[in-house]
Amino acid sequence: MPKMKLVALTRPLPGREEEYHDWYNNVHLPELVNKFGMAGAQRYKLVAKLMGSDENEFMAIYDIEADDPMALLGAMGQAAQAGEMTQSDAQDMGTCYTALFTEMGDRVVPD
């Protein structure tokens, strides 16, 4: 089964940081991982920007194994539309970026 990474770059709305982090860590990540059988997920905070102009300061990486990635994304979209996932209006949806990547080549490790 192909291994993939779902990457989400996000940021909270100004003044809503605490609410956003609580929702993301305690509701959103567990819902996605448990509802869609993901292998796991973890969030990261931007430390330094090397290039580009993306305004998002937080990243979540979801570990996925799926034979049909489009079916998984479709199921996620349907669940969101059906109200089966808890949404938050504390996230800045105007800057959010989400993409699904599949492995390409072997992992490089130190010699």
Protein backbone atom coordinates (compact mmCIF):
# COMPACT_ATOMS: atom_id res chain seq x y z
CA MET A 1 0.00 0.00 0.00
CA PRO A 2 1.50 3.39 -0.98
CA LYS A 3 2.69 5.64 1.85
CA MET A 4 1.74 9.29 1.66
CA LYS A 5 1.95 12.52 3.60
CA LEU A 6 -0.91 14.97 3.85
CA VAL A 7 0.62 18.36 4.61
CA ALA A 8 -1.37 21.30 5.95
CA LEU A 9 0.09 24.78 6.40
CA THR A 10 -2.12 26.95 8.57
CA ARG A 11 -2.33 29.86 10.97
CA PRO A 12 -4.88 31.14 13.47
CA LEU A 13 -6.88 34.31 13.11
CA PRO A 14 -5.40 37.16 15.18
CA GLY A 15 -6.53 36.99 18.81
CA ARG A 16 -7.83 33.42 18.42
CA GLU A 17 -4.52 31.57 18.88
CA GLU A 18 -5.40 29.65 22.05
CA GLU A 19 -8.75 28.48 20.67
CA TYR A 20 -7.11 27.48 17.36
CA HIS A 21 -4.34 25.42 19.01
CA ASP A 22 -6.79 23.71 21.37
CA TRP A 23 -9.06 22.73 18.46
CA TYR A 24 -6.18 21.60 16.23
CA ASN A 25 -4.37 19.53 18.86
CA ASN A 26 -7.30 18.08 20.80
CA VAL A 27 -10.06 17.81 18.19
CA HIS A 28 -8.90 18.07 14.58
CA LEU A 29 -5.82 15.82 14.63
CA PRO A 30 -7.53 13.02 16.60
CA GLU A 31 -10.67 13.20 14.41
CA LEU A 32 -8.75 12.86 11.17
CA VAL A 33 -6.40 10.15 12.42
CA ASN A 34 -9.16 8.03 13.96
CA LYS A 35 -11.93 8.57 11.41
CA PHE A 36 -9.78 7.90 8.35
CA GLY A 37 -7.38 5.26 9.66
CA MET A 38 -4.25 7.38 9.38
CA ALA A 39 -1.03 6.03 10.86
CA GLY A 40 -0.52 9.26 12.82
CA ALA A 41 -0.13 13.01 12.66
CA GLN A 42 2.06 15.69 14.19
CA ARG A 43 2.15 19.49 14.20
CA TYR A 44 5.14 21.79 13.79
CA LYS A 45 5.78 25.51 14.40
CA LEU A 46 7.81 27.58 11.96
CA VAL A 47 11.27 28.43 13.28
CA ALA A 48 12.79 30.20 10.28
CA LYS A 49 11.67 30.98 6.74
CA LEU A 50 14.36 30.24 4.17
CA MET A 51 12.53 31.33 1.03
CA GLY A 52 9.06 32.03 -0.27
CA SER A 53 6.27 34.23 0.97
CA ASP A 54 3.88 31.81 2.68
CA GLU A 55 2.26 33.45 5.70
CA ASN A 56 1.41 30.24 7.56
CA GLU A 57 3.39 29.55 10.70
CA PHE A 58 2.12 26.06 11.54
CA MET A 59 2.34 22.76 9.71
CA ALA A 60 0.63 19.44 10.30
CA ILE A 61 1.87 16.25 8.65
CA TYR A 62 -0.47 13.27 8.51
CA ASP A 63 0.93 9.80 7.78
CA ILE A 64 -1.33 7.93 5.36
CA GLU A 65 -1.31 4.55 3.67
CA ALA A 66 -4.00 4.20 1.01
CA ASP A 67 -4.45 2.28 -2.22
CA ASP A 68 -6.78 4.98 -3.55
CA PRO A 69 -5.75 8.45 -2.33
CA MET A 70 -8.54 10.16 -4.26
CA ALA A 71 -11.14 8.00 -2.50
CA LEU A 72 -9.62 9.00 0.86
CA LEU A 73 -9.72 12.69 -0.04
CA GLY A 74 -13.28 12.26 -1.28
CA ALA A 75 -14.32 10.62 1.98
CA MET A 76 -12.71 13.46 3.94
CA GLY A 77 -14.56 16.03 1.85
CA GLN A 78 -17.87 14.20 2.25
CA ALA A 79 -17.41 13.93 6.01
CA ALA A 80 -16.69 17.67 6.24
CA GLN A 81 -19.74 18.53 4.10
CA ALA A 82 -21.95 16.21 6.17
CA GLY A 83 -20.91 17.91 9.41
CA GLU A 84 -19.16 14.77 10.66
CA MET A 85 -15.98 16.68 11.48
CA THR A 86 -15.63 19.48 13.99
CA GLN A 87 -14.77 22.72 12.22
CA SER A 88 -13.22 25.81 13.76
CA ASP A 89 -13.63 29.40 12.68
CA ALA A 90 -10.42 30.30 14.56
CA GLN A 91 -8.29 29.16 11.59
CA ASP A 92 -7.40 31.65 8.87
CA MET A 93 -8.90 29.81 5.88
CA GLY A 94 -7.65 32.50 3.52
CA THR A 95 -4.05 31.34 3.90
CA CYS A 96 -4.53 27.60 4.49
CA TYR A 97 -2.65 25.25 2.15
CA THR A 98 -3.22 21.50 2.10
CA ALA A 99 -1.69 18.94 -0.28
CA LEU A 100 -1.23 15.17 -0.48
CA PHE A 101 2.15 13.75 -1.46
CA THR A 102 3.18 10.16 -2.21
CA GLU A 103 6.64 8.69 -1.67
CA MET A 104 9.05 9.13 -4.54
CA GLY A 105 12.22 7.15 -4.14
CA ASP A 106 13.85 5.70 -1.08
CA ARG A 107 14.44 7.57 2.17
CA VAL A 108 18.00 8.89 2.42
CA VAL A 109 19.73 8.25 5.74
CA PRO A 110 23.31 8.95 6.90
CA ASP A 111 26.01 6.53 5.74
